N, C-alpha and C. Protein backbone atom coordinates (compact mmCIF):
# COMPACT_ATOMS: atom_id res chain seq x y z
N MET A 1 -2.01 -16.04 -13.00
CA MET A 1 -1.82 -15.59 -11.63
C MET A 1 -0.68 -16.40 -11.01
N LYS A 2 0.18 -15.70 -10.29
CA LYS A 2 1.29 -16.36 -9.61
C LYS A 2 0.77 -17.17 -8.44
N ASP A 3 1.49 -18.25 -8.12
CA ASP A 3 1.16 -19.07 -6.97
C ASP A 3 1.83 -18.44 -5.76
N ILE A 4 1.04 -17.82 -4.89
CA ILE A 4 1.59 -17.05 -3.78
C ILE A 4 0.95 -17.46 -2.46
N ILE A 5 1.62 -17.04 -1.39
CA ILE A 5 1.06 -17.14 -0.05
C ILE A 5 1.14 -15.74 0.55
N ILE A 6 0.10 -15.37 1.26
CA ILE A 6 0.08 -14.07 1.93
C ILE A 6 0.09 -14.33 3.43
N LYS A 7 0.98 -13.62 4.12
CA LYS A 7 1.10 -13.81 5.56
C LYS A 7 1.70 -12.57 6.20
N SER A 8 1.71 -12.55 7.51
CA SER A 8 2.33 -11.44 8.23
C SER A 8 3.81 -11.36 7.89
N MET A 9 4.31 -10.15 7.78
CA MET A 9 5.72 -9.96 7.49
C MET A 9 6.55 -10.45 8.67
N GLU A 10 7.67 -11.07 8.36
CA GLU A 10 8.62 -11.51 9.38
C GLU A 10 9.86 -10.63 9.29
N GLU A 11 10.63 -10.64 10.35
CA GLU A 11 11.80 -9.76 10.41
C GLU A 11 12.74 -9.97 9.22
N GLN A 12 12.91 -11.21 8.78
CA GLN A 12 13.82 -11.46 7.65
C GLN A 12 13.30 -10.90 6.33
N ASP A 13 12.05 -10.44 6.29
CA ASP A 13 11.46 -9.87 5.08
C ASP A 13 11.71 -8.37 4.95
N ILE A 14 12.24 -7.74 5.99
CA ILE A 14 12.35 -6.27 6.01
C ILE A 14 13.13 -5.73 4.83
N LYS A 15 14.29 -6.30 4.52
CA LYS A 15 15.10 -5.77 3.42
C LYS A 15 14.36 -5.91 2.10
N ASP A 16 13.74 -7.07 1.84
CA ASP A 16 13.00 -7.26 0.59
C ASP A 16 11.86 -6.25 0.46
N VAL A 17 11.17 -6.01 1.57
CA VAL A 17 10.08 -5.03 1.58
C VAL A 17 10.63 -3.64 1.26
N ALA A 18 11.75 -3.28 1.87
CA ALA A 18 12.35 -1.96 1.64
C ALA A 18 12.79 -1.79 0.18
N VAL A 19 13.31 -2.85 -0.41
CA VAL A 19 13.72 -2.79 -1.82
C VAL A 19 12.49 -2.59 -2.71
N ILE A 20 11.43 -3.35 -2.46
CA ILE A 20 10.21 -3.20 -3.27
C ILE A 20 9.64 -1.79 -3.12
N LEU A 21 9.59 -1.28 -1.90
CA LEU A 21 9.07 0.08 -1.69
C LEU A 21 9.90 1.11 -2.45
N THR A 22 11.20 1.03 -2.31
CA THR A 22 12.09 2.01 -2.97
C THR A 22 11.97 1.91 -4.49
N ASP A 23 12.07 0.70 -5.02
CA ASP A 23 11.98 0.52 -6.47
C ASP A 23 10.61 0.94 -7.01
N SER A 24 9.56 0.59 -6.28
CA SER A 24 8.21 0.95 -6.72
C SER A 24 8.04 2.46 -6.80
N TRP A 25 8.52 3.17 -5.78
CA TRP A 25 8.41 4.62 -5.81
C TRP A 25 9.15 5.19 -7.02
N LYS A 26 10.36 4.71 -7.25
CA LYS A 26 11.17 5.26 -8.34
C LYS A 26 10.54 5.00 -9.71
N ILE A 27 9.86 3.88 -9.85
CA ILE A 27 9.25 3.53 -11.14
C ILE A 27 7.84 4.10 -11.28
N ALA A 28 6.98 3.82 -10.32
CA ALA A 28 5.56 4.23 -10.43
C ALA A 28 5.37 5.74 -10.37
N TYR A 29 6.23 6.42 -9.62
CA TYR A 29 6.04 7.86 -9.42
C TYR A 29 7.01 8.70 -10.23
N LYS A 30 7.68 8.07 -11.21
CA LYS A 30 8.72 8.71 -12.01
C LYS A 30 8.27 10.03 -12.62
N ASP A 31 7.09 10.09 -13.15
CA ASP A 31 6.62 11.32 -13.81
C ASP A 31 5.64 12.10 -12.94
N ILE A 32 5.59 11.75 -11.65
CA ILE A 32 4.65 12.41 -10.74
C ILE A 32 5.39 13.17 -9.64
N ILE A 33 6.30 12.48 -8.97
CA ILE A 33 7.05 13.05 -7.85
C ILE A 33 8.36 13.65 -8.36
N ASP A 34 8.82 14.67 -7.71
CA ASP A 34 10.06 15.36 -8.07
C ASP A 34 11.21 14.38 -8.32
N LYS A 35 11.86 14.54 -9.45
CA LYS A 35 12.94 13.64 -9.89
C LYS A 35 14.07 13.57 -8.86
N ASP A 36 14.49 14.70 -8.33
CA ASP A 36 15.59 14.71 -7.36
C ASP A 36 15.22 13.93 -6.10
N TYR A 37 13.98 14.08 -5.66
CA TYR A 37 13.54 13.35 -4.47
C TYR A 37 13.62 11.85 -4.72
N LEU A 38 13.10 11.40 -5.86
CA LEU A 38 13.11 9.97 -6.17
C LEU A 38 14.53 9.43 -6.34
N GLU A 39 15.40 10.20 -6.97
CA GLU A 39 16.78 9.76 -7.17
C GLU A 39 17.51 9.59 -5.84
N ASN A 40 17.09 10.32 -4.83
CA ASN A 40 17.77 10.27 -3.53
C ASN A 40 17.16 9.26 -2.56
N LEU A 41 16.15 8.52 -2.99
CA LEU A 41 15.60 7.47 -2.13
C LEU A 41 16.64 6.36 -1.97
N LYS A 42 16.87 5.95 -0.75
CA LYS A 42 17.87 4.93 -0.46
C LYS A 42 17.23 3.74 0.25
N VAL A 43 17.57 2.55 -0.20
CA VAL A 43 17.06 1.33 0.41
C VAL A 43 17.42 1.29 1.90
N GLU A 44 18.63 1.69 2.23
CA GLU A 44 19.09 1.64 3.63
C GLU A 44 18.20 2.48 4.55
N GLU A 45 17.81 3.67 4.07
CA GLU A 45 16.92 4.53 4.86
C GLU A 45 15.53 3.90 4.99
N ARG A 46 15.07 3.28 3.91
CA ARG A 46 13.75 2.64 3.94
C ARG A 46 13.77 1.44 4.89
N ILE A 47 14.90 0.73 4.95
CA ILE A 47 15.02 -0.41 5.88
C ILE A 47 14.77 0.06 7.30
N GLU A 48 15.37 1.19 7.68
CA GLU A 48 15.20 1.71 9.05
C GLU A 48 13.75 2.07 9.31
N LYS A 49 13.10 2.66 8.34
CA LYS A 49 11.68 3.03 8.50
C LYS A 49 10.81 1.78 8.63
N VAL A 50 11.05 0.78 7.78
CA VAL A 50 10.26 -0.45 7.82
C VAL A 50 10.48 -1.18 9.15
N LYS A 51 11.70 -1.16 9.67
CA LYS A 51 11.99 -1.79 10.96
C LYS A 51 11.11 -1.20 12.06
N LYS A 52 10.97 0.12 12.05
CA LYS A 52 10.13 0.80 13.07
C LYS A 52 8.66 0.42 12.88
N GLU A 53 8.21 0.43 11.62
CA GLU A 53 6.81 0.12 11.34
C GLU A 53 6.50 -1.36 11.56
N TYR A 54 7.47 -2.21 11.36
CA TYR A 54 7.31 -3.66 11.51
C TYR A 54 6.83 -4.02 12.91
N LYS A 55 7.28 -3.28 13.87
CA LYS A 55 6.95 -3.58 15.27
C LYS A 55 5.47 -3.51 15.58
N ASP A 56 4.71 -2.76 14.78
CA ASP A 56 3.27 -2.66 15.06
C ASP A 56 2.46 -3.77 14.41
N GLY A 57 3.12 -4.66 13.66
CA GLY A 57 2.43 -5.81 13.07
C GLY A 57 1.47 -5.48 11.96
N SER A 58 1.67 -4.35 11.30
CA SER A 58 0.70 -3.91 10.30
C SER A 58 1.05 -4.32 8.87
N TYR A 59 2.16 -5.01 8.67
CA TYR A 59 2.57 -5.43 7.33
C TYR A 59 2.16 -6.87 7.03
N ILE A 60 1.74 -7.07 5.78
CA ILE A 60 1.60 -8.42 5.25
C ILE A 60 2.45 -8.48 3.99
N VAL A 61 2.90 -9.67 3.65
CA VAL A 61 3.69 -9.84 2.43
C VAL A 61 3.08 -10.96 1.59
N ALA A 62 3.27 -10.82 0.30
CA ALA A 62 2.95 -11.89 -0.64
C ALA A 62 4.27 -12.50 -1.05
N LYS A 63 4.36 -13.83 -0.92
CA LYS A 63 5.59 -14.53 -1.28
C LYS A 63 5.31 -15.53 -2.40
N ASP A 64 6.23 -15.60 -3.34
CA ASP A 64 6.18 -16.60 -4.39
C ASP A 64 6.42 -17.95 -3.73
N ILE A 65 5.51 -18.87 -3.90
CA ILE A 65 5.62 -20.18 -3.24
C ILE A 65 6.86 -20.93 -3.69
N ASP A 66 7.22 -20.82 -4.96
CA ASP A 66 8.37 -21.57 -5.47
C ASP A 66 9.71 -21.05 -4.95
N THR A 67 9.84 -19.72 -4.84
CA THR A 67 11.13 -19.13 -4.47
C THR A 67 11.17 -18.58 -3.05
N ASN A 68 10.02 -18.45 -2.41
CA ASN A 68 9.89 -17.84 -1.08
C ASN A 68 10.32 -16.37 -1.07
N GLN A 69 10.35 -15.74 -2.24
CA GLN A 69 10.72 -14.33 -2.35
C GLN A 69 9.49 -13.45 -2.13
N VAL A 70 9.69 -12.32 -1.45
CA VAL A 70 8.64 -11.34 -1.28
C VAL A 70 8.41 -10.68 -2.64
N ILE A 71 7.15 -10.70 -3.08
CA ILE A 71 6.82 -10.08 -4.37
C ILE A 71 5.76 -8.99 -4.24
N GLY A 72 5.28 -8.78 -3.03
CA GLY A 72 4.30 -7.73 -2.80
C GLY A 72 4.10 -7.53 -1.32
N LEU A 73 3.48 -6.41 -0.96
CA LEU A 73 3.26 -6.10 0.45
C LEU A 73 2.11 -5.12 0.59
N SER A 74 1.58 -5.11 1.78
CA SER A 74 0.59 -4.11 2.15
C SER A 74 0.77 -3.80 3.62
N ARG A 75 0.42 -2.59 3.98
CA ARG A 75 0.45 -2.17 5.38
C ARG A 75 -0.90 -1.53 5.66
N PHE A 76 -1.54 -1.92 6.77
CA PHE A 76 -2.88 -1.44 7.06
C PHE A 76 -3.14 -1.47 8.56
N GLY A 77 -4.23 -0.84 8.96
CA GLY A 77 -4.62 -0.83 10.37
C GLY A 77 -5.69 0.20 10.64
N ASP A 78 -5.66 0.75 11.86
CA ASP A 78 -6.61 1.79 12.21
C ASP A 78 -6.42 3.00 11.30
N ARG A 79 -7.47 3.73 11.11
CA ARG A 79 -7.39 4.91 10.26
C ARG A 79 -6.46 5.94 10.88
N ILE A 80 -5.53 6.46 10.10
CA ILE A 80 -4.60 7.47 10.62
C ILE A 80 -4.81 8.82 9.97
N ASP A 81 -5.68 8.87 8.98
CA ASP A 81 -5.94 10.14 8.30
C ASP A 81 -6.58 11.11 9.28
N ASP A 82 -6.21 12.38 9.17
CA ASP A 82 -6.73 13.36 10.12
C ASP A 82 -7.89 14.20 9.59
N LEU A 83 -8.42 13.83 8.45
CA LEU A 83 -9.56 14.58 7.93
C LEU A 83 -10.84 14.10 8.61
N ASP A 84 -11.57 15.04 9.19
CA ASP A 84 -12.77 14.63 9.93
C ASP A 84 -13.98 14.36 9.04
N ARG A 85 -13.89 14.62 7.77
CA ARG A 85 -15.05 14.39 6.90
C ARG A 85 -15.26 12.92 6.57
N PHE A 86 -14.32 12.06 6.92
CA PHE A 86 -14.46 10.63 6.65
C PHE A 86 -14.40 9.82 7.94
N THR A 87 -15.02 10.33 8.98
CA THR A 87 -14.92 9.70 10.30
C THR A 87 -15.56 8.32 10.36
N ASP A 88 -16.45 8.00 9.44
CA ASP A 88 -17.07 6.67 9.48
C ASP A 88 -16.16 5.59 8.88
N TYR A 89 -15.02 5.98 8.34
CA TYR A 89 -14.03 5.02 7.85
C TYR A 89 -13.05 4.74 8.98
N ASP A 90 -13.14 3.52 9.53
CA ASP A 90 -12.36 3.20 10.73
C ASP A 90 -11.11 2.38 10.45
N GLY A 91 -10.93 1.94 9.21
CA GLY A 91 -9.73 1.20 8.82
C GLY A 91 -9.05 1.91 7.65
N GLU A 92 -7.77 1.63 7.48
CA GLU A 92 -7.04 2.28 6.39
C GLU A 92 -5.94 1.36 5.87
N ILE A 93 -5.79 1.36 4.56
CA ILE A 93 -4.63 0.73 3.94
C ILE A 93 -3.63 1.86 3.72
N TYR A 94 -2.47 1.74 4.34
CA TYR A 94 -1.45 2.78 4.25
C TYR A 94 -0.60 2.63 2.99
N GLY A 95 -0.54 1.44 2.45
CA GLY A 95 0.25 1.22 1.25
C GLY A 95 0.03 -0.18 0.72
N LEU A 96 0.14 -0.32 -0.60
CA LEU A 96 0.02 -1.60 -1.26
C LEU A 96 0.95 -1.56 -2.46
N TYR A 97 1.93 -2.44 -2.48
CA TYR A 97 2.94 -2.43 -3.55
C TYR A 97 3.22 -3.84 -4.03
N VAL A 98 3.42 -3.96 -5.33
CA VAL A 98 3.81 -5.22 -5.96
C VAL A 98 5.16 -4.96 -6.62
N LYS A 99 6.03 -5.96 -6.53
CA LYS A 99 7.36 -5.85 -7.10
C LYS A 99 7.26 -5.43 -8.56
N PRO A 100 8.02 -4.40 -8.95
CA PRO A 100 7.99 -3.97 -10.35
C PRO A 100 8.27 -5.15 -11.28
N GLY A 101 7.52 -5.20 -12.36
CA GLY A 101 7.64 -6.29 -13.32
C GLY A 101 6.63 -7.40 -13.08
N LEU A 102 5.96 -7.37 -11.93
CA LEU A 102 4.99 -8.42 -11.61
C LEU A 102 3.56 -7.88 -11.49
N LEU A 103 3.36 -6.67 -11.96
CA LEU A 103 2.01 -6.09 -11.92
C LEU A 103 1.09 -6.86 -12.84
N ARG A 104 -0.19 -6.81 -12.54
CA ARG A 104 -1.24 -7.45 -13.33
C ARG A 104 -1.13 -8.97 -13.34
N ASN A 105 -0.67 -9.50 -12.21
CA ASN A 105 -0.61 -10.96 -12.03
C ASN A 105 -1.54 -11.43 -10.91
N GLY A 106 -2.39 -10.55 -10.41
CA GLY A 106 -3.31 -10.92 -9.34
C GLY A 106 -2.77 -10.73 -7.94
N VAL A 107 -1.49 -10.35 -7.81
CA VAL A 107 -0.89 -10.19 -6.49
C VAL A 107 -1.52 -9.02 -5.74
N GLY A 108 -1.66 -7.89 -6.40
CA GLY A 108 -2.24 -6.71 -5.76
C GLY A 108 -3.67 -6.93 -5.31
N SER A 109 -4.47 -7.57 -6.15
CA SER A 109 -5.87 -7.80 -5.77
C SER A 109 -5.97 -8.76 -4.60
N ARG A 110 -5.10 -9.75 -4.55
CA ARG A 110 -5.12 -10.68 -3.42
C ARG A 110 -4.65 -9.99 -2.14
N LEU A 111 -3.66 -9.12 -2.24
CA LEU A 111 -3.22 -8.36 -1.06
C LEU A 111 -4.34 -7.45 -0.55
N LEU A 112 -5.03 -6.79 -1.46
CA LEU A 112 -6.11 -5.89 -1.08
C LEU A 112 -7.23 -6.66 -0.39
N LYS A 113 -7.64 -7.78 -0.96
CA LYS A 113 -8.70 -8.60 -0.37
C LYS A 113 -8.28 -9.14 1.00
N TYR A 114 -7.03 -9.54 1.14
CA TYR A 114 -6.53 -10.05 2.42
C TYR A 114 -6.60 -8.94 3.49
N ALA A 115 -6.15 -7.74 3.11
CA ALA A 115 -6.19 -6.61 4.05
C ALA A 115 -7.64 -6.29 4.44
N GLU A 116 -8.53 -6.30 3.46
CA GLU A 116 -9.95 -6.06 3.75
C GLU A 116 -10.47 -7.08 4.77
N ARG A 117 -10.17 -8.34 4.54
CA ARG A 117 -10.63 -9.40 5.44
C ARG A 117 -10.05 -9.23 6.85
N GLU A 118 -8.79 -8.89 6.94
CA GLU A 118 -8.16 -8.70 8.25
C GLU A 118 -8.77 -7.51 8.99
N LEU A 119 -9.03 -6.43 8.28
CA LEU A 119 -9.66 -5.27 8.91
C LEU A 119 -11.07 -5.62 9.38
N LYS A 120 -11.81 -6.35 8.56
CA LYS A 120 -13.16 -6.78 8.93
C LYS A 120 -13.10 -7.66 10.18
N ASN A 121 -12.12 -8.57 10.23
CA ASN A 121 -11.96 -9.45 11.39
C ASN A 121 -11.60 -8.68 12.66
N LYS A 122 -11.03 -7.49 12.48
CA LYS A 122 -10.68 -6.65 13.63
C LYS A 122 -11.81 -5.70 14.01
N GLY A 123 -12.99 -5.93 13.42
CA GLY A 123 -14.16 -5.15 13.77
C GLY A 123 -14.36 -3.87 12.99
N LYS A 124 -13.59 -3.66 11.94
CA LYS A 124 -13.74 -2.45 11.12
C LYS A 124 -14.89 -2.64 10.15
N SER A 125 -15.58 -1.55 9.82
CA SER A 125 -16.71 -1.65 8.90
C SER A 125 -16.42 -1.02 7.54
N LYS A 126 -15.51 -0.05 7.51
CA LYS A 126 -15.15 0.62 6.26
C LYS A 126 -13.66 0.93 6.28
N MET A 127 -13.06 0.94 5.10
CA MET A 127 -11.65 1.32 5.02
C MET A 127 -11.47 2.36 3.93
N ILE A 128 -10.40 3.10 4.10
CA ILE A 128 -10.03 4.13 3.14
C ILE A 128 -8.58 3.90 2.75
N LEU A 129 -8.24 4.28 1.53
CA LEU A 129 -6.85 4.31 1.12
C LEU A 129 -6.65 5.52 0.23
N TRP A 130 -5.43 6.02 0.25
CA TRP A 130 -5.10 7.22 -0.51
C TRP A 130 -4.05 6.87 -1.56
N CYS A 131 -4.19 7.50 -2.73
CA CYS A 131 -3.13 7.35 -3.74
C CYS A 131 -2.95 8.69 -4.45
N LEU A 132 -1.79 8.83 -5.05
CA LEU A 132 -1.52 10.07 -5.78
C LEU A 132 -2.55 10.26 -6.89
N LYS A 133 -3.08 11.45 -6.96
CA LYS A 133 -4.12 11.76 -7.93
C LYS A 133 -3.66 11.48 -9.36
N GLU A 134 -2.40 11.73 -9.66
CA GLU A 134 -1.88 11.56 -11.01
C GLU A 134 -1.48 10.11 -11.32
N ASN A 135 -1.62 9.22 -10.37
CA ASN A 135 -1.23 7.82 -10.56
C ASN A 135 -2.41 7.05 -11.18
N SER A 136 -2.60 7.25 -12.46
CA SER A 136 -3.75 6.65 -13.16
C SER A 136 -3.82 5.13 -13.06
N PRO A 137 -2.71 4.40 -13.23
CA PRO A 137 -2.82 2.94 -13.13
C PRO A 137 -3.33 2.47 -11.77
N SER A 138 -2.84 3.07 -10.70
CA SER A 138 -3.31 2.67 -9.36
C SER A 138 -4.77 3.06 -9.17
N ARG A 139 -5.13 4.22 -9.64
CA ARG A 139 -6.53 4.65 -9.50
C ARG A 139 -7.46 3.68 -10.23
N LYS A 140 -7.09 3.28 -11.42
CA LYS A 140 -7.92 2.32 -12.17
C LYS A 140 -8.02 1.00 -11.41
N PHE A 141 -6.91 0.57 -10.82
CA PHE A 141 -6.91 -0.68 -10.05
C PHE A 141 -7.86 -0.56 -8.86
N TYR A 142 -7.74 0.51 -8.07
CA TYR A 142 -8.59 0.65 -6.88
C TYR A 142 -10.07 0.75 -7.25
N GLU A 143 -10.35 1.42 -8.36
CA GLU A 143 -11.74 1.49 -8.83
C GLU A 143 -12.23 0.11 -9.28
N SER A 144 -11.37 -0.64 -9.97
CA SER A 144 -11.77 -1.96 -10.43
C SER A 144 -12.00 -2.92 -9.27
N MET A 145 -11.39 -2.62 -8.13
CA MET A 145 -11.54 -3.46 -6.94
C MET A 145 -12.70 -2.98 -6.05
N GLY A 146 -13.52 -2.07 -6.58
CA GLY A 146 -14.72 -1.65 -5.87
C GLY A 146 -14.59 -0.39 -5.04
N GLY A 147 -13.47 0.30 -5.14
CA GLY A 147 -13.29 1.54 -4.38
C GLY A 147 -14.15 2.66 -4.91
N THR A 148 -14.70 3.44 -3.99
CA THR A 148 -15.51 4.60 -4.34
C THR A 148 -14.70 5.86 -4.07
N LEU A 149 -14.57 6.72 -5.06
CA LEU A 149 -13.83 7.96 -4.89
C LEU A 149 -14.53 8.84 -3.86
N LEU A 150 -13.79 9.18 -2.79
CA LEU A 150 -14.39 9.95 -1.70
C LEU A 150 -14.02 11.43 -1.74
N GLY A 151 -12.80 11.73 -2.07
CA GLY A 151 -12.37 13.12 -2.04
C GLY A 151 -10.87 13.23 -2.19
N GLU A 152 -10.37 14.44 -1.94
CA GLU A 152 -8.96 14.74 -2.12
C GLU A 152 -8.37 15.37 -0.88
N LYS A 153 -7.05 15.29 -0.80
CA LYS A 153 -6.26 16.00 0.19
C LYS A 153 -4.88 16.20 -0.40
N THR A 154 -4.05 16.95 0.26
CA THR A 154 -2.68 17.11 -0.20
C THR A 154 -1.72 16.51 0.81
N ARG A 155 -0.56 16.14 0.32
CA ARG A 155 0.48 15.57 1.17
C ARG A 155 1.82 16.16 0.76
N ASN A 156 2.61 16.52 1.74
CA ASN A 156 3.94 17.03 1.48
C ASN A 156 4.90 15.86 1.34
N ILE A 157 5.56 15.80 0.20
CA ILE A 157 6.57 14.78 -0.06
C ILE A 157 7.82 15.50 -0.54
N GLY A 158 8.86 15.43 0.25
CA GLY A 158 10.12 16.07 -0.13
C GLY A 158 10.04 17.56 -0.28
N GLY A 159 9.16 18.21 0.48
CA GLY A 159 9.04 19.66 0.44
C GLY A 159 8.08 20.20 -0.60
N LYS A 160 7.41 19.31 -1.32
CA LYS A 160 6.43 19.74 -2.32
C LYS A 160 5.08 19.12 -2.01
N GLU A 161 4.02 19.83 -2.36
CA GLU A 161 2.66 19.35 -2.13
C GLU A 161 2.16 18.57 -3.34
N TYR A 162 1.54 17.43 -3.04
CA TYR A 162 0.97 16.58 -4.08
C TYR A 162 -0.48 16.26 -3.71
N SER A 163 -1.32 16.18 -4.73
CA SER A 163 -2.73 15.84 -4.51
C SER A 163 -2.89 14.33 -4.40
N LEU A 164 -3.67 13.93 -3.40
CA LEU A 164 -4.03 12.53 -3.21
C LEU A 164 -5.53 12.40 -3.36
N VAL A 165 -5.98 11.24 -3.79
CA VAL A 165 -7.40 10.94 -3.82
C VAL A 165 -7.65 9.75 -2.90
N GLY A 166 -8.77 9.81 -2.21
CA GLY A 166 -9.13 8.74 -1.28
C GLY A 166 -10.20 7.85 -1.87
N TYR A 167 -10.01 6.55 -1.69
CA TYR A 167 -11.00 5.56 -2.10
C TYR A 167 -11.55 4.84 -0.87
N GLY A 168 -12.85 4.70 -0.82
CA GLY A 168 -13.49 4.05 0.30
C GLY A 168 -14.05 2.69 -0.11
N TYR A 169 -14.02 1.78 0.88
CA TYR A 169 -14.53 0.42 0.68
C TYR A 169 -15.40 0.04 1.87
N GLU A 170 -16.54 -0.55 1.58
CA GLU A 170 -17.37 -1.16 2.61
C GLU A 170 -16.77 -2.53 2.88
N LEU A 171 -16.53 -2.85 4.13
CA LEU A 171 -15.93 -4.14 4.47
C LEU A 171 -17.04 -5.17 4.69
N LYS A 172 -17.15 -6.04 3.72
CA LYS A 172 -18.18 -7.09 3.77
C LYS A 172 -17.50 -8.41 4.10
N ASP A 173 -18.30 -9.37 4.49
CA ASP A 173 -17.75 -10.70 4.72
C ASP A 173 -17.29 -11.28 3.39
N ILE A 174 -16.05 -11.69 3.36
CA ILE A 174 -15.46 -12.22 2.12
C ILE A 174 -15.26 -13.70 2.26
């Protein structure tokens, strides 16, 4: 396991976060999401999006203690999903990414646990997260971390519909 610190994202982390998001999408979703869409993802565009999202304080980053480099991130908060069948889930993880090449080093599990703890501290009792149905490695990870498969929905990405699966977690004292 890497020696890391997890903390709220700071403004100087925005570019590193945008690079990880862009690279992660291009690698993890290579055989899932439309090739042209992935090829056209630009770090500069992601920077602008992260800047807007940064203002709500919903990002955390994992940094390598030795290098102070961002090696993972998560974004979470109030539930934003619009499906009414999961109304008892009051928290949501919007995304969790680890820098490509550093998977399976404990970074993702520590980010997930940190987000769970923060949501619990904010009075949430359950959280939900969504991932692409065809993303088997992520699904296995979320299941290994105690997620319960709740159901499916679709999401439009680049003009095409993709199936997502939702995982639910009971927020316990950690």
